[in-house]
Each structure stands twice: as structure tokens, then as C-alpha cells.
Amino acid sequence: GCSGGAGFGFGRTVSSDLTGVVQES
């Protein structure tokens, strides 16, 4: 569960970062 949660949280962070980059672009 921690690994899945961490993976989900990391994925969400990466997704948020990409969204910000796209919006900035």
C-alpha cells in the first residue's frame, strides 16, 4: 500500500509538473 500510494503520489506529482510545463508553454 505504501509503495502503491507512493507510486500514485509520484505519478500525480509528475502529472502536475507536466501540466504546469504545458500551461507555461
mmCIF file of all heavy atoms, coordinates in Angstrom:
data_MODEL
# 
_entry.id   MODEL 
# 
loop_
_atom_site.group_PDB 
_atom_site.id 
_atom_site.type_symbol 
_atom_site.label_atom_id 
_atom_site.label_alt_id 
_atom_site.label_comp_id 
_atom_site.label_asym_id 
_atom_site.label_entity_id 
_atom_site.label_seq_id 
_atom_site.pdbx_PDB_ins_code 
_atom_site.Cartn_x 
_atom_site.Cartn_y 
_atom_site.Cartn_z 
_atom_site.occupancy 
_atom_site.B_iso_or_equiv 
_atom_site.pdbx_formal_charge 
_atom_site.auth_seq_id 
_atom_site.auth_comp_id 
_atom_site.auth_asym_id 
_atom_site.auth_atom_id 
_atom_site.pdbx_PDB_model_num 
ATOM 1   N N   . GLY A 1 1  ? 0.825  -1.199 0.000   1.00 0.00 ? 1  GLY A N   1 
ATOM 2   C CA  . GLY A 1 1  ? 0.000  0.000  0.000   1.00 0.00 ? 1  GLY A CA  1 
ATOM 3   C C   . GLY A 1 1  ? 0.840  1.220  0.000   1.00 0.00 ? 1  GLY A C   1 
ATOM 4   O O   . GLY A 1 1  ? 0.557  2.167  -0.713  1.00 0.00 ? 1  GLY A O   1 
ATOM 5   N N   . CYS A 1 2  ? 1.916  1.265  0.752   1.00 0.00 ? 2  CYS A N   1 
ATOM 6   C CA  . CYS A 1 2  ? 2.793  2.436  0.748   1.00 0.00 ? 2  CYS A CA  1 
ATOM 7   C C   . CYS A 1 2  ? 3.459  2.610  -0.615  1.00 0.00 ? 2  CYS A C   1 
ATOM 8   O O   . CYS A 1 2  ? 3.558  3.713  -1.134  1.00 0.00 ? 2  CYS A O   1 
ATOM 9   C CB  . CYS A 1 2  ? 3.853  2.269  1.863   1.00 0.00 ? 2  CYS A CB  1 
ATOM 10  S SG  . CYS A 1 2  ? 3.163  2.459  3.531   1.00 0.00 ? 2  CYS A SG  1 
ATOM 11  N N   . SER A 1 3  ? 3.888  1.473  -1.148  1.00 0.00 ? 3  SER A N   1 
ATOM 12  C CA  . SER A 1 3  ? 4.518  1.559  -2.475  1.00 0.00 ? 3  SER A CA  1 
ATOM 13  C C   . SER A 1 3  ? 3.526  2.038  -3.526  1.00 0.00 ? 3  SER A C   1 
ATOM 14  O O   . SER A 1 3  ? 3.812  2.907  -4.349  1.00 0.00 ? 3  SER A O   1 
ATOM 15  C CB  . SER A 1 3  ? 5.076  0.188  -2.890  1.00 0.00 ? 3  SER A CB  1 
ATOM 16  O OG  . SER A 1 3  ? 6.089  -0.200 -1.962  1.00 0.00 ? 3  SER A OG  1 
ATOM 17  N N   . GLY A 1 4  ? 2.318  1.483  -3.503  1.00 0.00 ? 4  GLY A N   1 
ATOM 18  C CA  . GLY A 1 4  ? 1.304  1.928  -4.456  1.00 0.00 ? 4  GLY A CA  1 
ATOM 19  C C   . GLY A 1 4  ? 0.939  3.380  -4.248  1.00 0.00 ? 4  GLY A C   1 
ATOM 20  O O   . GLY A 1 4  ? 0.775  4.160  -5.181  1.00 0.00 ? 4  GLY A O   1 
ATOM 21  N N   . GLY A 1 5  ? 0.815  3.733  -2.927  1.00 0.00 ? 5  GLY A N   1 
ATOM 22  C CA  . GLY A 1 5  ? 0.484  5.137  -2.638  1.00 0.00 ? 5  GLY A CA  1 
ATOM 23  C C   . GLY A 1 5  ? 1.580  6.065  -3.068  1.00 0.00 ? 5  GLY A C   1 
ATOM 24  O O   . GLY A 1 5  ? 1.358  7.145  -3.609  1.00 0.00 ? 5  GLY A O   1 
ATOM 25  N N   . ALA A 1 6  ? 2.831  5.621  -2.792  1.00 0.00 ? 6  ALA A N   1 
ATOM 26  C CA  . ALA A 1 6  ? 3.956  6.462  -3.198  1.00 0.00 ? 6  ALA A CA  1 
ATOM 27  C C   . ALA A 1 6  ? 4.006  6.593  -4.704  1.00 0.00 ? 6  ALA A C   1 
ATOM 28  O O   . ALA A 1 6  ? 4.242  7.645  -5.254  1.00 0.00 ? 6  ALA A O   1 
ATOM 29  C CB  . ALA A 1 6  ? 5.268  5.860  -2.669  1.00 0.00 ? 6  ALA A CB  1 
ATOM 30  N N   . GLY A 1 7  ? 3.775  5.406  -5.354  1.00 0.00 ? 7  GLY A N   1 
ATOM 31  C CA  . GLY A 1 7  ? 3.766  5.452  -6.821  1.00 0.00 ? 7  GLY A CA  1 
ATOM 32  C C   . GLY A 1 7  ? 2.663  6.356  -7.320  1.00 0.00 ? 7  GLY A C   1 
ATOM 33  O O   . GLY A 1 7  ? 2.847  7.131  -8.246  1.00 0.00 ? 7  GLY A O   1 
ATOM 34  N N   . PHE A 1 8  ? 1.503  6.296  -6.752  1.00 0.00 ? 8  PHE A N   1 
ATOM 35  C CA  . PHE A 1 8  ? 0.392  7.158  -7.177  1.00 0.00 ? 8  PHE A CA  1 
ATOM 36  C C   . PHE A 1 8  ? 0.701  8.616  -6.926  1.00 0.00 ? 8  PHE A C   1 
ATOM 37  O O   . PHE A 1 8  ? 0.458  9.490  -7.731  1.00 0.00 ? 8  PHE A O   1 
ATOM 38  C CB  . PHE A 1 8  ? -0.886 6.725  -6.422  1.00 0.00 ? 8  PHE A CB  1 
ATOM 39  C CG  . PHE A 1 8  ? -2.058 7.585  -6.753  1.00 0.00 ? 8  PHE A CG  1 
ATOM 40  C CD1 . PHE A 1 8  ? -2.734 7.434  -7.938  1.00 0.00 ? 8  PHE A CD1 1 
ATOM 41  C CD2 . PHE A 1 8  ? -2.462 8.584  -5.864  1.00 0.00 ? 8  PHE A CD2 1 
ATOM 42  C CE1 . PHE A 1 8  ? -3.801 8.224  -8.254  1.00 0.00 ? 8  PHE A CE1 1 
ATOM 43  C CE2 . PHE A 1 8  ? -3.540 9.375  -6.164  1.00 0.00 ? 8  PHE A CE2 1 
ATOM 44  C CZ  . PHE A 1 8  ? -4.221 9.195  -7.361  1.00 0.00 ? 8  PHE A CZ  1 
ATOM 45  N N   . GLY A 1 9  ? 1.299  8.818  -5.699  1.00 0.00 ? 9  GLY A N   1 
ATOM 46  C CA  . GLY A 1 9  ? 1.652  10.213 -5.377  1.00 0.00 ? 9  GLY A CA  1 
ATOM 47  C C   . GLY A 1 9  ? 2.718  10.741 -6.301  1.00 0.00 ? 9  GLY A C   1 
ATOM 48  O O   . GLY A 1 9  ? 2.679  11.874 -6.748  1.00 0.00 ? 9  GLY A O   1 
ATOM 49  N N   . PHE A 1 10 ? 3.695  9.922  -6.667  1.00 0.00 ? 10 PHE A N   1 
ATOM 50  C CA  . PHE A 1 10 ? 4.755  10.352 -7.574  1.00 0.00 ? 10 PHE A CA  1 
ATOM 51  C C   . PHE A 1 10 ? 4.200  10.632 -8.967  1.00 0.00 ? 10 PHE A C   1 
ATOM 52  O O   . PHE A 1 10 ? 4.521  11.622 -9.607  1.00 0.00 ? 10 PHE A O   1 
ATOM 53  C CB  . PHE A 1 10 ? 5.827  9.268  -7.621  1.00 0.00 ? 10 PHE A CB  1 
ATOM 54  C CG  . PHE A 1 10 ? 6.930  9.565  -8.594  1.00 0.00 ? 10 PHE A CG  1 
ATOM 55  C CD1 . PHE A 1 10 ? 7.908  10.502 -8.312  1.00 0.00 ? 10 PHE A CD1 1 
ATOM 56  C CD2 . PHE A 1 10 ? 6.944  8.933  -9.846  1.00 0.00 ? 10 PHE A CD2 1 
ATOM 57  C CE1 . PHE A 1 10 ? 8.893  10.784 -9.227  1.00 0.00 ? 10 PHE A CE1 1 
ATOM 58  C CE2 . PHE A 1 10 ? 7.937  9.216  -10.741 1.00 0.00 ? 10 PHE A CE2 1 
ATOM 59  C CZ  . PHE A 1 10 ? 8.924  10.138 -10.441 1.00 0.00 ? 10 PHE A CZ  1 
ATOM 60  N N   . GLY A 1 11 ? 3.316  9.684  -9.354  1.00 0.00 ? 11 GLY A N   1 
ATOM 61  C CA  . GLY A 1 11 ? 2.681  9.884  -10.660 1.00 0.00 ? 11 GLY A CA  1 
ATOM 62  C C   . GLY A 1 11 ? 1.871  11.163 -10.698 1.00 0.00 ? 11 GLY A C   1 
ATOM 63  O O   . GLY A 1 11 ? 1.849  11.881 -11.682 1.00 0.00 ? 11 GLY A O   1 
ATOM 64  N N   . ARG A 1 12 ? 1.175  11.424 -9.609  1.00 0.00 ? 12 ARG A N   1 
ATOM 65  C CA  . ARG A 1 12 ? 0.380  12.644 -9.572  1.00 0.00 ? 12 ARG A CA  1 
ATOM 66  C C   . ARG A 1 12 ? 1.260  13.876 -9.592  1.00 0.00 ? 12 ARG A C   1 
ATOM 67  O O   . ARG A 1 12 ? 0.957  14.886 -10.228 1.00 0.00 ? 12 ARG A O   1 
ATOM 68  C CB  . ARG A 1 12 ? -0.503 12.614 -8.314  1.00 0.00 ? 12 ARG A CB  1 
ATOM 69  C CG  . ARG A 1 12 ? -1.428 13.829 -8.191  1.00 0.00 ? 12 ARG A CG  1 
ATOM 70  C CD  . ARG A 1 12 ? -2.409 13.623 -7.030  1.00 0.00 ? 12 ARG A CD  1 
ATOM 71  N NE  . ARG A 1 12 ? -1.652 13.446 -5.793  1.00 0.00 ? 12 ARG A NE  1 
ATOM 72  C CZ  . ARG A 1 12 ? -2.216 13.001 -4.648  1.00 0.00 ? 12 ARG A CZ  1 
ATOM 73  N NH1 . ARG A 1 12 ? -3.507 12.670 -4.624  1.00 0.00 ? 12 ARG A NH1 1 
ATOM 74  N NH2 . ARG A 1 12 ? -1.485 12.844 -3.566  1.00 0.00 ? 12 ARG A NH2 1 
ATOM 75  N N   . THR A 1 13 ? 2.422  13.781 -8.895  1.00 0.00 ? 13 THR A N   1 
ATOM 76  C CA  . THR A 1 13 ? 3.345  14.920 -8.903  1.00 0.00 ? 13 THR A CA  1 
ATOM 77  C C   . THR A 1 13 ? 3.905  15.164 -10.294 1.00 0.00 ? 13 THR A C   1 
ATOM 78  O O   . THR A 1 13 ? 3.964  16.290 -10.782 1.00 0.00 ? 13 THR A O   1 
ATOM 79  C CB  . THR A 1 13 ? 4.485  14.662 -7.918  1.00 0.00 ? 13 THR A CB  1 
ATOM 80  O OG1 . THR A 1 13 ? 3.941  14.448 -6.636  1.00 0.00 ? 13 THR A OG1 1 
ATOM 81  C CG2 . THR A 1 13 ? 5.469  15.851 -7.907  1.00 0.00 ? 13 THR A CG2 1 
ATOM 82  N N   . VAL A 1 14 ? 4.299  14.035 -10.947 1.00 0.00 ? 14 VAL A N   1 
ATOM 83  C CA  . VAL A 1 14 ? 4.826  14.174 -12.304 1.00 0.00 ? 14 VAL A CA  1 
ATOM 84  C C   . VAL A 1 14 ? 3.773  14.744 -13.240 1.00 0.00 ? 14 VAL A C   1 
ATOM 85  O O   . VAL A 1 14 ? 4.018  15.621 -14.060 1.00 0.00 ? 14 VAL A O   1 
ATOM 86  C CB  . VAL A 1 14 ? 5.329  12.806 -12.806 1.00 0.00 ? 14 VAL A CB  1 
ATOM 87  C CG1 . VAL A 1 14 ? 5.692  12.888 -14.281 1.00 0.00 ? 14 VAL A CG1 1 
ATOM 88  C CG2 . VAL A 1 14 ? 6.527  12.352 -11.989 1.00 0.00 ? 14 VAL A CG2 1 
ATOM 89  N N   . SER A 1 15 ? 2.528  14.251 -13.088 1.00 0.00 ? 15 SER A N   1 
ATOM 90  C CA  . SER A 1 15 ? 1.443  14.753 -13.927 1.00 0.00 ? 15 SER A CA  1 
ATOM 91  C C   . SER A 1 15 ? 1.206  16.230 -13.684 1.00 0.00 ? 15 SER A C   1 
ATOM 92  O O   . SER A 1 15 ? 0.970  17.007 -14.603 1.00 0.00 ? 15 SER A O   1 
ATOM 93  C CB  . SER A 1 15 ? 0.170  13.941 -13.645 1.00 0.00 ? 15 SER A CB  1 
ATOM 94  O OG  . SER A 1 15 ? -0.911 14.448 -14.383 1.00 0.00 ? 15 SER A OG  1 
ATOM 95  N N   . SER A 1 16 ? 1.272  16.638 -12.427 1.00 0.00 ? 16 SER A N   1 
ATOM 96  C CA  . SER A 1 16 ? 1.078  18.063 -12.101 1.00 0.00 ? 16 SER A CA  1 
ATOM 97  C C   . SER A 1 16 ? 2.192  18.901 -12.708 1.00 0.00 ? 16 SER A C   1 
ATOM 98  O O   . SER A 1 16 ? 1.961  19.987 -13.244 1.00 0.00 ? 16 SER A O   1 
ATOM 99  C CB  . SER A 1 16 ? 1.028  18.257 -10.577 1.00 0.00 ? 16 SER A CB  1 
ATOM 100 O OG  . SER A 1 16 ? -0.053 17.515 -10.042 1.00 0.00 ? 16 SER A OG  1 
ATOM 101 N N   . ASP A 1 17 ? 3.445  18.344 -12.599 1.00 0.00 ? 17 ASP A N   1 
ATOM 102 C CA  . ASP A 1 17 ? 4.575  19.100 -13.172 1.00 0.00 ? 17 ASP A CA  1 
ATOM 103 C C   . ASP A 1 17 ? 4.439  19.243 -14.681 1.00 0.00 ? 17 ASP A C   1 
ATOM 104 O O   . ASP A 1 17 ? 4.691  20.299 -15.249 1.00 0.00 ? 17 ASP A O   1 
ATOM 105 C CB  . ASP A 1 17 ? 5.888  18.402 -12.822 1.00 0.00 ? 17 ASP A CB  1 
ATOM 106 C CG  . ASP A 1 17 ? 6.169  18.448 -11.318 1.00 0.00 ? 17 ASP A CG  1 
ATOM 107 O OD1 . ASP A 1 17 ? 5.578  19.337 -10.648 1.00 0.00 ? 17 ASP A OD1 1 
ATOM 108 O OD2 . ASP A 1 17 ? 6.967  17.635 -10.862 1.00 0.00 ? 17 ASP A OD2 1 
ATOM 109 N N   . LEU A 1 18 ? 4.037  18.173 -15.370 1.00 0.00 ? 18 LEU A N   1 
ATOM 110 C CA  . LEU A 1 18 ? 3.863  18.237 -16.822 1.00 0.00 ? 18 LEU A CA  1 
ATOM 111 C C   . LEU A 1 18 ? 2.758  19.201 -17.196 1.00 0.00 ? 18 LEU A C   1 
ATOM 112 O O   . LEU A 1 18 ? 2.849  19.945 -18.172 1.00 0.00 ? 18 LEU A O   1 
ATOM 113 C CB  . LEU A 1 18 ? 3.546  16.837 -17.367 1.00 0.00 ? 18 LEU A CB  1 
ATOM 114 C CG  . LEU A 1 18 ? 4.718  15.843 -17.341 1.00 0.00 ? 18 LEU A CG  1 
ATOM 115 C CD1 . LEU A 1 18 ? 4.251  14.480 -17.810 1.00 0.00 ? 18 LEU A CD1 1 
ATOM 116 C CD2 . LEU A 1 18 ? 5.865  16.334 -18.199 1.00 0.00 ? 18 LEU A CD2 1 
ATOM 117 N N   . THR A 1 19 ? 1.682  19.171 -16.418 1.00 0.00 ? 19 THR A N   1 
ATOM 118 C CA  . THR A 1 19 ? 0.583  20.114 -16.695 1.00 0.00 ? 19 THR A CA  1 
ATOM 119 C C   . THR A 1 19 ? 1.044  21.553 -16.568 1.00 0.00 ? 19 THR A C   1 
ATOM 120 O O   . THR A 1 19 ? 0.710  22.428 -17.375 1.00 0.00 ? 19 THR A O   1 
ATOM 121 C CB  . THR A 1 19 ? -0.583 19.860 -15.729 1.00 0.00 ? 19 THR A CB  1 
ATOM 122 O OG1 . THR A 1 19 ? -1.008 18.514 -15.892 1.00 0.00 ? 19 THR A OG1 1 
ATOM 123 C CG2 . THR A 1 19 ? -1.746 20.792 -16.014 1.00 0.00 ? 19 THR A CG2 1 
ATOM 124 N N   . GLY A 1 20 ? 1.874  21.827 -15.558 1.00 0.00 ? 20 GLY A N   1 
ATOM 125 C CA  . GLY A 1 20 ? 2.400  23.176 -15.383 1.00 0.00 ? 20 GLY A CA  1 
ATOM 126 C C   . GLY A 1 20 ? 3.301  23.591 -16.530 1.00 0.00 ? 20 GLY A C   1 
ATOM 127 O O   . GLY A 1 20 ? 3.251  24.712 -17.007 1.00 0.00 ? 20 GLY A O   1 
ATOM 128 N N   . VAL A 1 21 ? 4.146  22.602 -16.986 1.00 0.00 ? 21 VAL A N   1 
ATOM 129 C CA  . VAL A 1 21 ? 5.032  22.903 -18.107 1.00 0.00 ? 21 VAL A CA  1 
ATOM 130 C C   . VAL A 1 21 ? 4.239  23.205 -19.356 1.00 0.00 ? 21 VAL A C   1 
ATOM 131 O O   . VAL A 1 21 ? 4.509  24.140 -20.105 1.00 0.00 ? 21 VAL A O   1 
ATOM 132 C CB  . VAL A 1 21 ? 5.991  21.712 -18.344 1.00 0.00 ? 21 VAL A CB  1 
ATOM 133 C CG1 . VAL A 1 21 ? 6.757  21.923 -19.649 1.00 0.00 ? 21 VAL A CG1 1 
ATOM 134 C CG2 . VAL A 1 21 ? 6.962  21.581 -17.189 1.00 0.00 ? 21 VAL A CG2 1 
ATOM 135 N N   . VAL A 1 22 ? 3.169  22.394 -19.612 1.00 0.00 ? 22 VAL A N   1 
ATOM 136 C CA  . VAL A 1 22 ? 2.326  22.603 -20.778 1.00 0.00 ? 22 VAL A CA  1 
ATOM 137 C C   . VAL A 1 22 ? 1.638  23.948 -20.701 1.00 0.00 ? 22 VAL A C   1 
ATOM 138 O O   . VAL A 1 22 ? 1.563  24.710 -21.676 1.00 0.00 ? 22 VAL A O   1 
ATOM 139 C CB  . VAL A 1 22 ? 1.294  21.466 -20.910 1.00 0.00 ? 22 VAL A CB  1 
ATOM 140 C CG1 . VAL A 1 22 ? 0.283  21.808 -22.004 1.00 0.00 ? 22 VAL A CG1 1 
ATOM 141 C CG2 . VAL A 1 22 ? 1.991  20.168 -21.238 1.00 0.00 ? 22 VAL A CG2 1 
ATOM 142 N N   . GLN A 1 23 ? 1.094  24.254 -19.489 1.00 0.00 ? 23 GLN A N   1 
ATOM 143 C CA  . GLN A 1 23 ? 0.434  25.552 -19.331 1.00 0.00 ? 23 GLN A CA  1 
ATOM 144 C C   . GLN A 1 23 ? 1.411  26.706 -19.530 1.00 0.00 ? 23 GLN A C   1 
ATOM 145 O O   . GLN A 1 23 ? 1.104  27.715 -20.185 1.00 0.00 ? 23 GLN A O   1 
ATOM 146 C CB  . GLN A 1 23 ? -0.206 25.647 -17.944 1.00 0.00 ? 23 GLN A CB  1 
ATOM 147 C CG  . GLN A 1 23 ? -1.397 24.714 -17.769 1.00 0.00 ? 23 GLN A CG  1 
ATOM 148 C CD  . GLN A 1 23 ? -1.958 24.777 -16.361 1.00 0.00 ? 23 GLN A CD  1 
ATOM 149 O OE1 . GLN A 1 23 ? -1.347 25.385 -15.478 1.00 0.00 ? 23 GLN A OE1 1 
ATOM 150 N NE2 . GLN A 1 23 ? -3.116 24.148 -16.155 1.00 0.00 ? 23 GLN A NE2 1 
ATOM 151 N N   . GLU A 1 24 ? 2.640  26.551 -18.979 1.00 0.00 ? 24 GLU A N   1 
ATOM 152 C CA  . GLU A 1 24 ? 3.643  27.600 -19.155 1.00 0.00 ? 24 GLU A CA  1 
ATOM 153 C C   . GLU A 1 24 ? 4.026  27.752 -20.620 1.00 0.00 ? 24 GLU A C   1 
ATOM 154 O O   . GLU A 1 24 ? 4.190  28.856 -21.125 1.00 0.00 ? 24 GLU A O   1 
ATOM 155 C CB  . GLU A 1 24 ? 4.878  27.260 -18.323 1.00 0.00 ? 24 GLU A CB  1 
ATOM 156 C CG  . GLU A 1 24 ? 5.959  28.358 -18.366 1.00 0.00 ? 24 GLU A CG  1 
ATOM 157 C CD  . GLU A 1 24 ? 7.150  28.004 -17.475 1.00 0.00 ? 24 GLU A CD  1 
ATOM 158 O OE1 . GLU A 1 24 ? 7.115  26.965 -16.809 1.00 0.00 ? 24 GLU A OE1 1 
ATOM 159 O OE2 . GLU A 1 24 ? 8.104  28.806 -17.471 1.00 0.00 ? 24 GLU A OE2 1 
ATOM 160 N N   . SER A 1 25 ? 4.155  26.599 -21.322 1.00 0.00 ? 25 SER A N   1 
ATOM 161 C CA  . SER A 1 25 ? 4.470  26.649 -22.744 1.00 0.00 ? 25 SER A CA  1 
ATOM 162 C C   . SER A 1 25 ? 3.371  27.346 -23.525 1.00 0.00 ? 25 SER A C   1 
ATOM 163 O O   . SER A 1 25 ? 3.635  28.140 -24.424 1.00 0.00 ? 25 SER A O   1 
ATOM 164 C CB  . SER A 1 25 ? 4.677  25.230 -23.276 1.00 0.00 ? 25 SER A CB  1 
ATOM 165 O OG  . SER A 1 25 ? 4.900  25.248 -24.663 1.00 0.00 ? 25 SER A OG  1 
# 
